[in-house]
Amino acid sequence: MAHVRKKLPAFPGDGELRYRGFRGQVRYEILGEPSSLRPGPARLRGSISATPEVAAEAFREGEGLLTLEGGAQFRITMLGHSAGSDTAYFEMRI
């Protein structure tokens, strides 16, 4: 019998992204409840939407800090970006 994965709820919002040389507003969507994240190896995945230039530079930088609408801050590691796209994908952890 095939293993069925539970679909995680999406949590969209507007927040602030910071990485070396940049600090600005972005739109984000996180798959899973950010408040459930605890210190350790657990991670959630998500995406940011900004201008194509900001998305590309965030991906090249590799890491950053995402502040959510509620003020919670999470370290993020960039996972992917397609040239010309306004979206970059990340993993977040505490």
PDB file of N, CA and C in Angstrom:
ATOM      1  N   MET A   1       0.834  -1.178   0.000  1.00  0.00           N
ATOM      2  CA  MET A   1       0.000   0.000   0.000  1.00  0.00           C
ATOM      3  C   MET A   1       0.884   1.248   0.000  1.00  0.00           C
ATOM      4  N   ALA A   2       0.552   2.204  -0.821  1.00  0.00           N
ATOM      5  CA  ALA A   2       1.337   3.436  -0.939  1.00  0.00           C
ATOM      6  C   ALA A   2       1.160   4.300   0.299  1.00  0.00           C
ATOM      7  N   HIS A   3       2.233   4.958   0.666  1.00  0.00           N
ATOM      8  CA  HIS A   3       2.203   5.879   1.796  1.00  0.00           C
ATOM      9  C   HIS A   3       1.612   7.210   1.334  1.00  0.00           C
ATOM     10  N   VAL A   4       0.582   7.676   2.007  1.00  0.00           N
ATOM     11  CA  VAL A   4      -0.063   8.943   1.648  1.00  0.00           C
ATOM     12  C   VAL A   4       0.468  10.023   2.565  1.00  0.00           C
ATOM     13  N   ARG A   5       1.017  11.082   1.950  1.00  0.00           N
ATOM     14  CA  ARG A   5       1.521  12.206   2.740  1.00  0.00           C
ATOM     15  C   ARG A   5       0.394  13.169   3.060  1.00  0.00           C
ATOM     16  N   LYS A   6       0.391  13.628   4.281  1.00  0.00           N
ATOM     17  CA  LYS A   6      -0.587  14.627   4.698  1.00  0.00           C
ATOM     18  C   LYS A   6      -0.222  15.956   4.049  1.00  0.00           C
ATOM     19  N   LYS A   7      -1.201  16.602   3.425  1.00  0.00           N
ATOM     20  CA  LYS A   7      -0.961  17.897   2.790  1.00  0.00           C
ATOM     21  C   LYS A   7      -0.925  18.979   3.867  1.00  0.00           C
ATOM     22  N   LEU A   8       0.168  19.710   3.903  1.00  0.00           N
ATOM     23  CA  LEU A   8       0.337  20.766   4.892  1.00  0.00           C
ATOM     24  C   LEU A   8      -0.440  22.009   4.479  1.00  0.00           C
ATOM     25  N   PRO A   9      -1.041  22.711   5.448  1.00  0.00           N
ATOM     26  CA  PRO A   9      -1.741  23.951   5.120  1.00  0.00           C
ATOM     27  C   PRO A   9      -0.738  25.045   4.738  1.00  0.00           C
ATOM     28  N   ALA A  10      -1.159  25.940   3.864  1.00  0.00           N
ATOM     29  CA  ALA A  10      -0.310  27.053   3.433  1.00  0.00           C
ATOM     30  C   ALA A  10      -0.602  28.276   4.293  1.00  0.00           C
ATOM     31  N   PHE A  11       0.464  28.968   4.693  1.00  0.00           N
ATOM     32  CA  PHE A  11       0.353  30.191   5.482  1.00  0.00           C
ATOM     33  C   PHE A  11       0.994  31.340   4.715  1.00  0.00           C
ATOM     34  N   PRO A  12       0.187  32.097   3.946  1.00  0.00           N
ATOM     35  CA  PRO A  12       0.729  33.234   3.191  1.00  0.00           C
ATOM     36  C   PRO A  12       0.761  34.499   4.052  1.00  0.00           C
ATOM     37  N   GLY A  13       1.559  35.452   3.629  1.00  0.00           N
ATOM     38  CA  GLY A  13       1.604  36.733   4.327  1.00  0.00           C
ATOM     39  C   GLY A  13       2.628  37.664   3.708  1.00  0.00           C
ATOM     40  N   ASP A  14       2.720  38.851   4.274  1.00  0.00           N
ATOM     41  CA  ASP A  14       3.710  39.845   3.868  1.00  0.00           C
ATOM     42  C   ASP A  14       4.707  39.979   4.998  1.00  0.00           C
ATOM     43  N   GLY A  15       5.987  39.978   4.669  1.00  0.00           N
ATOM     44  CA  GLY A  15       7.015  40.070   5.689  1.00  0.00           C
ATOM     45  C   GLY A  15       8.224  40.814   5.184  1.00  0.00           C
ATOM     46  N   GLU A  16       9.284  40.749   5.984  1.00  0.00           N
ATOM     47  CA  GLU A  16      10.525  41.417   5.638  1.00  0.00           C
ATOM     48  C   GLU A  16      11.623  40.381   5.461  1.00  0.00           C
ATOM     49  N   LEU A  17      12.348  40.498   4.382  1.00  0.00           N
ATOM     50  CA  LEU A  17      13.483  39.627   4.105  1.00  0.00           C
ATOM     51  C   LEU A  17      14.759  40.431   4.282  1.00  0.00           C
ATOM     52  N   ARG A  18      15.727  39.815   4.969  1.00  0.00           N
ATOM     53  CA  ARG A  18      17.038  40.447   5.116  1.00  0.00           C
ATOM     54  C   ARG A  18      18.106  39.446   4.706  1.00  0.00           C
ATOM     55  N   TYR A  19      19.027  39.896   3.920  1.00  0.00           N
ATOM     56  CA  TYR A  19      20.255  39.170   3.632  1.00  0.00           C
ATOM     57  C   TYR A  19      21.317  40.215   3.374  1.00  0.00           C
ATOM     58  N   ARG A  20      22.554  39.792   3.286  1.00  0.00           N
ATOM     59  CA  ARG A  20      23.655  40.742   3.154  1.00  0.00           C
ATOM     60  C   ARG A  20      23.400  41.710   2.003  1.00  0.00           C
ATOM     61  N   GLY A  21      23.306  42.992   2.322  1.00  0.00           N
ATOM     62  CA  GLY A  21      23.112  44.026   1.317  1.00  0.00           C
ATOM     63  C   GLY A  21      21.665  44.311   0.951  1.00  0.00           C
ATOM     64  N   PHE A  22      20.713  43.648   1.600  1.00  0.00           N
ATOM     65  CA  PHE A  22      19.301  43.872   1.269  1.00  0.00           C
ATOM     66  C   PHE A  22      18.432  43.746   2.513  1.00  0.00           C
ATOM     67  N   ARG A  23      17.450  44.615   2.567  1.00  0.00           N
ATOM     68  CA  ARG A  23      16.399  44.555   3.589  1.00  0.00           C
ATOM     69  C   ARG A  23      15.159  45.142   2.941  1.00  0.00           C
ATOM     70  N   GLY A  24      14.084  44.324   2.810  1.00  0.00           N
ATOM     71  CA  GLY A  24      12.894  44.836   2.154  1.00  0.00           C
ATOM     72  C   GLY A  24      11.696  43.919   2.297  1.00  0.00           C
ATOM     73  N   GLN A  25      10.567  44.416   1.836  1.00  0.00           N
ATOM     74  CA  GLN A  25       9.302  43.694   1.935  1.00  0.00           C
ATOM     75  C   GLN A  25       9.189  42.622   0.852  1.00  0.00           C
ATOM     76  N   VAL A  26       8.641  41.480   1.239  1.00  0.00           N
ATOM     77  CA  VAL A  26       8.375  40.375   0.314  1.00  0.00           C
ATOM     78  C   VAL A  26       7.040  39.744   0.697  1.00  0.00           C
ATOM     79  N   ARG A  27       6.492  39.008  -0.213  1.00  0.00           N
ATOM     80  CA  ARG A  27       5.308  38.177   0.033  1.00  0.00           C
ATOM     81  C   ARG A  27       5.835  36.764   0.239  1.00  0.00           C
ATOM     82  N   TYR A  28       5.300  36.044   1.231  1.00  0.00           N
ATOM     83  CA  TYR A  28       5.767  34.686   1.473  1.00  0.00           C
ATOM     84  C   TYR A  28       4.591  33.723   1.557  1.00  0.00           C
ATOM     85  N   GLU A  29       4.891  32.450   1.365  1.00  0.00           N
ATOM     86  CA  GLU A  29       3.931  31.377   1.607  1.00  0.00           C
ATOM     87  C   GLU A  29       4.714  30.217   2.208  1.00  0.00           C
ATOM     88  N   ILE A  30       4.289  29.772   3.393  1.00  0.00           N
ATOM     89  CA  ILE A  30       4.962  28.706   4.115  1.00  0.00           C
ATOM     90  C   ILE A  30       4.030  27.503   4.173  1.00  0.00           C
ATOM     91  N   LEU A  31       4.570  26.330   3.876  1.00  0.00           N
ATOM     92  CA  LEU A  31       3.779  25.099   3.948  1.00  0.00           C
ATOM     93  C   LEU A  31       3.978  24.485   5.329  1.00  0.00           C
ATOM     94  N   GLY A  32       2.968  24.613   6.168  1.00  0.00           N
ATOM     95  CA  GLY A  32       3.039  24.156   7.558  1.00  0.00           C
ATOM     96  C   GLY A  32       2.934  25.345   8.496  1.00  0.00           C
ATOM     97  N   GLU A  33       2.589  25.067   9.722  1.00  0.00           N
ATOM     98  CA  GLU A  33       2.392  26.107  10.740  1.00  0.00           C
ATOM     99  C   GLU A  33       3.730  26.578  11.300  1.00  0.00           C
ATOM    100  N   PRO A  34       4.142  27.826  11.020  1.00  0.00           N
ATOM    101  CA  PRO A  34       5.427  28.320  11.514  1.00  0.00           C
ATOM    102  C   PRO A  34       5.558  28.279  13.039  1.00  0.00           C
ATOM    103  N   SER A  35       4.466  28.497  13.769  1.00  0.00           N
ATOM    104  CA  SER A  35       4.558  28.511  15.236  1.00  0.00           C
ATOM    105  C   SER A  35       4.824  27.123  15.807  1.00  0.00           C
ATOM    106  N   SER A  36       4.643  26.067  15.003  1.00  0.00           N
ATOM    107  CA  SER A  36       4.894  24.705  15.492  1.00  0.00           C
ATOM    108  C   SER A  36       6.364  24.320  15.374  1.00  0.00           C
ATOM    109  N   LEU A  37       7.156  25.130  14.704  1.00  0.00           N
ATOM    110  CA  LEU A  37       8.571  24.835  14.501  1.00  0.00           C
ATOM    111  C   LEU A  37       9.333  24.992  15.809  1.00  0.00           C
ATOM    112  N   ARG A  38      10.151  23.999  16.134  1.00  0.00           N
ATOM    113  CA  ARG A  38      10.944  24.007  17.371  1.00  0.00           C
ATOM    114  C   ARG A  38      12.428  23.925  17.016  1.00  0.00           C
ATOM    115  N   PRO A  39      13.305  24.340  17.937  1.00  0.00           N
ATOM    116  CA  PRO A  39      14.742  24.207  17.671  1.00  0.00           C
ATOM    117  C   PRO A  39      15.093  22.751  17.366  1.00  0.00           C
ATOM    118  N   GLY A  40      15.999  22.559  16.433  1.00  0.00           N
ATOM    119  CA  GLY A  40      16.414  21.214  16.064  1.00  0.00           C
ATOM    120  C   GLY A  40      16.423  21.039  14.566  1.00  0.00           C
ATOM    121  N   PRO A  41      16.399  19.802  14.117  1.00  0.00           N
ATOM    122  CA  PRO A  41      16.534  19.539  12.683  1.00  0.00           C
ATOM    123  C   PRO A  41      15.260  19.768  11.871  1.00  0.00           C
ATOM    124  N   ALA A  42      14.116  19.938  12.521  1.00  0.00           N
ATOM    125  CA  ALA A  42      12.854  20.107  11.788  1.00  0.00           C
ATOM    126  C   ALA A  42      12.882  21.390  10.964  1.00  0.00           C
ATOM    127  N   ARG A  43      12.312  21.301   9.759  1.00  0.00           N
ATOM    128  CA  ARG A  43      12.271  22.455   8.861  1.00  0.00           C
ATOM    129  C   ARG A  43      10.919  22.507   8.175  1.00  0.00           C
ATOM    130  N   LEU A  44      10.550  23.707   7.750  1.00  0.00           N
ATOM    131  CA  LEU A  44       9.382  23.899   6.905  1.00  0.00           C
ATOM    132  C   LEU A  44       9.866  24.496   5.590  1.00  0.00           C
ATOM    133  N   ARG A  45       9.111  24.275   4.540  1.00  0.00           N
ATOM    134  CA  ARG A  45       9.471  24.830   3.233  1.00  0.00           C
ATOM    135  C   ARG A  45       8.487  25.908   2.837  1.00  0.00           C
ATOM    136  N   GLY A  46       8.950  26.802   1.987  1.00  0.00           N
ATOM    137  CA  GLY A  46       8.082  27.868   1.526  1.00  0.00           C
ATOM    138  C   GLY A  46       8.699  28.602   0.353  1.00  0.00           C
ATOM    139  N   SER A  47       8.087  29.727   0.029  1.00  0.00           N
ATOM    140  CA  SER A  47       8.578  30.543  -1.076  1.00  0.00           C
ATOM    141  C   SER A  47       8.386  32.013  -0.747  1.00  0.00           C
ATOM    142  N   ILE A  48       9.214  32.840  -1.374  1.00  0.00           N
ATOM    143  CA  ILE A  48       9.061  34.288  -1.290  1.00  0.00           C
ATOM    144  C   ILE A  48       8.790  34.804  -2.688  1.00  0.00           C
ATOM    145  N   SER A  49       8.022  35.875  -2.770  1.00  0.00           N
ATOM    146  CA  SER A  49       7.764  36.558  -4.034  1.00  0.00           C
ATOM    147  C   SER A  49       8.182  38.009  -3.879  1.00  0.00           C
ATOM    148  N   ALA A  50       8.986  38.459  -4.816  1.00  0.00           N
ATOM    149  CA  ALA A  50       9.478  39.842  -4.835  1.00  0.00           C
ATOM    150  C   ALA A  50       9.761  40.166  -6.298  1.00  0.00           C
ATOM    151  N   THR A  51      10.598  41.132  -6.556  1.00  0.00           N
ATOM    152  CA  THR A  51      10.987  41.398  -7.940  1.00  0.00           C
ATOM    153  C   THR A  51      11.907  40.266  -8.401  1.00  0.00           C
ATOM    154  N   PRO A  52      12.001  40.028  -9.702  1.00  0.00           N
ATOM    155  CA  PRO A  52      12.912  38.988 -10.177  1.00  0.00           C
ATOM    156  C   PRO A  52      14.361  39.199  -9.715  1.00  0.00           C
ATOM    157  N   GLU A  53      14.782  40.458  -9.619  1.00  0.00           N
ATOM    158  CA  GLU A  53      16.148  40.752  -9.189  1.00  0.00           C
ATOM    159  C   GLU A  53      16.360  40.375  -7.730  1.00  0.00           C
ATOM    160  N   VAL A  54      15.401  40.704  -6.858  1.00  0.00           N
ATOM    161  CA  VAL A  54      15.516  40.378  -5.437  1.00  0.00           C
ATOM    162  C   VAL A  54      15.476  38.864  -5.239  1.00  0.00           C
ATOM    163  N   ALA A  55      14.583  38.176  -5.941  1.00  0.00           N
ATOM    164  CA  ALA A  55      14.490  36.715  -5.823  1.00  0.00           C
ATOM    165  C   ALA A  55      15.795  36.057  -6.261  1.00  0.00           C
ATOM    166  N   ALA A  56      16.370  36.518  -7.366  1.00  0.00           N
ATOM    167  CA  ALA A  56      17.623  35.944  -7.858  1.00  0.00           C
ATOM    168  C   ALA A  56      18.772  36.214  -6.894  1.00  0.00           C
ATOM    169  N   GLU A  57      18.859  37.433  -6.376  1.00  0.00           N
ATOM    170  CA  GLU A  57      19.938  37.778  -5.454  1.00  0.00           C
ATOM    171  C   GLU A  57      19.797  37.017  -4.129  1.00  0.00           C
ATOM    172  N   ALA A  58      18.571  36.853  -3.635  1.00  0.00           N
ATOM    173  CA  ALA A  58      18.353  36.076  -2.405  1.00  0.00           C
ATOM    174  C   ALA A  58      18.833  34.642  -2.602  1.00  0.00           C
ATOM    175  N   PHE A  59      18.535  34.062  -3.757  1.00  0.00           N
ATOM    176  CA  PHE A  59      18.987  32.704  -4.041  1.00  0.00           C
ATOM    177  C   PHE A  59      20.508  32.636  -4.104  1.00  0.00           C
ATOM    178  N   ARG A  60      21.131  33.598  -4.773  1.00  0.00           N
ATOM    179  CA  ARG A  60      22.596  33.619  -4.865  1.00  0.00           C
ATOM    180  C   ARG A  60      23.237  33.787  -3.485  1.00  0.00           C
ATOM    181  N   GLU A  61      22.608  34.595  -2.636  1.00  0.00           N
ATOM    182  CA  GLU A  61      23.143  34.815  -1.287  1.00  0.00           C
ATOM    183  C   GLU A  61      23.100  33.525  -0.468  1.00  0.00           C
ATOM    184  N   GLY A  62      22.042  32.731  -0.639  1.00  0.00           N
ATOM    185  CA  GLY A  62      21.981  31.417  -0.002  1.00  0.00           C
ATOM    186  C   GLY A  62      21.270  31.364   1.334  1.00  0.00           C
ATOM    187  N   GLU A  63      21.400  32.390   2.148  1.00  0.00           N
ATOM    188  CA  GLU A  63      20.763  32.417   3.466  1.00  0.00           C
ATOM    189  C   GLU A  63      20.236  33.812   3.762  1.00  0.00           C
ATOM    190  N   GLY A  64      19.274  33.868   4.671  1.00  0.00           N
ATOM    191  CA  GLY A  64      18.727  35.147   5.063  1.00  0.00           C
ATOM    192  C   GLY A  64      17.890  35.016   6.316  1.00  0.00           C
ATOM    193  N   LEU A  65      17.192  36.076   6.642  1.00  0.00           N
ATOM    194  CA  LEU A  65      16.324  36.129   7.813  1.00  0.00           C
ATOM    195  C   LEU A  65      14.970  36.639   7.345  1.00  0.00           C
ATOM    196  N   LEU A  66      13.924  35.867   7.615  1.00  0.00           N
ATOM    197  CA  LEU A  66      12.571  36.237   7.221  1.00  0.00           C
ATOM    198  C   LEU A  66      11.779  36.585   8.468  1.00  0.00           C
ATOM    199  N   THR A  67      11.213  37.800   8.485  1.00  0.00           N
ATOM    200  CA  THR A  67      10.347  38.235   9.581  1.00  0.00           C
ATOM    201  C   THR A  67       8.910  38.150   9.088  1.00  0.00           C
ATOM    202  N   LEU A  68       8.084  37.377   9.783  1.00  0.00           N
ATOM    203  CA  LEU A  68       6.695  37.183   9.388  1.00  0.00           C
ATOM    204  C   LEU A  68       5.824  38.343   9.850  1.00  0.00           C
ATOM    205  N   GLU A  69       4.576  38.378   9.378  1.00  0.00           N
ATOM    206  CA  GLU A  69       3.640  39.454   9.743  1.00  0.00           C
ATOM    207  C   GLU A  69       3.510  39.610  11.256  1.00  0.00           C
ATOM    208  N   GLY A  70       3.505  38.510  11.965  1.00  0.00           N
ATOM    209  CA  GLY A  70       3.342  38.553  13.422  1.00  0.00           C
ATOM    210  C   GLY A  70       4.597  38.934  14.174  1.00  0.00           C
ATOM    211  N   GLY A  71       5.714  39.123  13.480  1.00  0.00           N
ATOM    212  CA  GLY A  71       6.962  39.531  14.115  1.00  0.00           C
ATOM    213  C   GLY A  71       7.938  38.393  14.361  1.00  0.00           C
ATOM    214  N   ALA A  72       7.519  37.145  14.192  1.00  0.00           N
ATOM    215  CA  ALA A  72       8.426  36.012  14.383  1.00  0.00           C
ATOM    216  C   ALA A  72       9.511  36.034  13.310  1.00  0.00           C
ATOM    217  N   GLN A  73      10.745  35.702  13.700  1.00  0.00           N
ATOM    218  CA  GLN A  73      11.870  35.687  12.768  1.00  0.00           C
ATOM    219  C   GLN A  73      12.391  34.271  12.606  1.00  0.00           C
ATOM    220  N   PHE A  74      12.731  33.924  11.369  1.00  0.00           N
ATOM    221  CA  PHE A  74      13.248  32.600  11.058  1.00  0.00           C
ATOM    222  C   PHE A  74      14.423  32.722  10.109  1.00  0.00           C
ATOM    223  N   ARG A  75      15.450  31.908  10.351  1.00  0.00           N
ATOM    224  CA  ARG A  75      16.553  31.794   9.401  1.00  0.00           C
ATOM    225  C   ARG A  75      16.042  30.980   8.227  1.00  0.00           C
ATOM    226  N   ILE A  76      16.399  31.384   7.035  1.00  0.00           N
ATOM    227  CA  ILE A  76      15.994  30.625   5.858  1.00  0.00           C
ATOM    228  C   ILE A  76      17.232  30.284   5.025  1.00  0.00           C
ATOM    229  N   THR A  77      17.168  29.130   4.386  1.00  0.00           N
ATOM    230  CA  THR A  77      18.182  28.681   3.450  1.00  0.00           C
ATOM    231  C   THR A  77      17.510  28.570   2.090  1.00  0.00           C
ATOM    232  N   MET A  78      18.036  29.263   1.125  1.00  0.00           N
ATOM    233  CA  MET A  78      17.431  29.267  -0.204  1.00  0.00           C
ATOM    234  C   MET A  78      17.706  27.940  -0.905  1.00  0.00           C
ATOM    235  N   LEU A  79      16.664  27.399  -1.551  1.00  0.00           N
ATOM    236  CA  LEU A  79      16.762  26.109  -2.225  1.00  0.00           C
ATOM    237  C   LEU A  79      16.717  26.205  -3.738  1.00  0.00           C
ATOM    238  N   GLY A  80      15.971  27.163  -4.282  1.00  0.00           N
ATOM    239  CA  GLY A  80      15.831  27.206  -5.726  1.00  0.00           C
ATOM    240  C   GLY A  80      15.262  28.509  -6.239  1.00  0.00           C
ATOM    241  N   HIS A  81      15.554  28.762  -7.522  1.00  0.00           N
ATOM    242  CA  HIS A  81      15.054  29.940  -8.220  1.00  0.00           C
ATOM    243  C   HIS A  81      15.246  29.701  -9.707  1.00  0.00           C
ATOM    244  N   SER A  82      14.273  30.075 -10.514  1.00  0.00           N
ATOM    245  CA  SER A  82      14.394  29.978 -11.968  1.00  0.00           C
ATOM    246  C   SER A  82      14.698  31.363 -12.530  1.00  0.00           C
ATOM    247  N   ALA A  83      15.614  31.443 -13.453  1.00  0.00           N
ATOM    248  CA  ALA A  83      16.013  32.724 -14.040  1.00  0.00           C
ATOM    249  C   ALA A  83      14.794  33.485 -14.558  1.00  0.00           C
ATOM    250  N   GLY A  84      14.687  34.756 -14.159  1.00  0.00           N
ATOM    251  CA  GLY A  84      13.588  35.606 -14.592  1.00  0.00           C
ATOM    252  C   GLY A  84      12.341  35.504 -13.740  1.00  0.00           C
ATOM    253  N   SER A  85      12.290  34.555 -12.816  1.00  0.00           N
ATOM    254  CA  SER A  85      11.115  34.361 -11.959  1.00  0.00           C
ATOM    255  C   SER A  85      11.154  35.329 -10.784  1.00  0.00           C
ATOM    256  N   ASP A  86       9.963  35.693 -10.279  1.00  0.00           N
ATOM    257  CA  ASP A  86       9.887  36.550  -9.100  1.00  0.00           C
ATOM    258  C   ASP A  86       9.747  35.731  -7.820  1.00  0.00           C
ATOM    259  N   THR A  87       9.937  34.409  -7.910  1.00  0.00           N
ATOM    260  CA  THR A  87       9.768  33.509  -6.769  1.00  0.00           C
ATOM    261  C   THR A  87      11.059  32.757  -6.488  1.00  0.00           C
ATOM    262  N   ALA A  88      11.411  32.665  -5.200  1.00  0.00           N
ATOM    263  CA  ALA A  88      12.540  31.849  -4.750  1.00  0.00           C
ATOM    264  C   ALA A  88      12.013  30.931  -3.645  1.00  0.00           C
ATOM    265  N   TYR A  89      12.576  29.749  -3.546  1.00  0.00           N
ATOM    266  CA  TYR A  89      12.099  28.732  -2.599  1.00  0.00           C
ATOM    267  C   TYR A  89      13.115  28.545  -1.486  1.00  0.00           C
ATOM    268  N   PHE A  90      12.617  28.248  -0.277  1.00  0.00           N
ATOM    269  CA  PHE A  90      13.483  28.152   0.890  1.00  0.00           C
ATOM    270  C   PHE A  90      13.042  27.080   1.862  1.00  0.00           C
ATOM    271  N   GLU A  91      13.943  26.757   2.794  1.00  0.00           N
ATOM    272  CA  GLU A  91      13.641  25.985   3.990  1.00  0.00           C
ATOM    273  C   GLU A  91      13.858  26.921   5.161  1.00  0.00           C
ATOM    274  N   MET A  92      13.023  26.803   6.171  1.00  0.00           N
ATOM    275  CA  MET A  92      13.185  27.658   7.352  1.00  0.00           C
ATOM    276  C   MET A  92      13.369  26.802   8.591  1.00  0.00           C
ATOM    277  N   ARG A  93      14.098  27.350   9.539  1.00  0.00           N
ATOM    278  CA  ARG A  93      14.361  26.666  10.794  1.00  0.00           C
ATOM    279  C   ARG A  93      14.538  27.697  11.896  1.00  0.00           C
ATOM    280  N   ILE A  94      14.546  27.237  13.119  1.00  0.00           N
ATOM    281  CA  ILE A  94      14.768  28.141  14.247  1.00  0.00           C
ATOM    282  C   ILE A  94      16.249  28.137  14.575  1.00  0.00           C
TER     283      ILE A  94
END
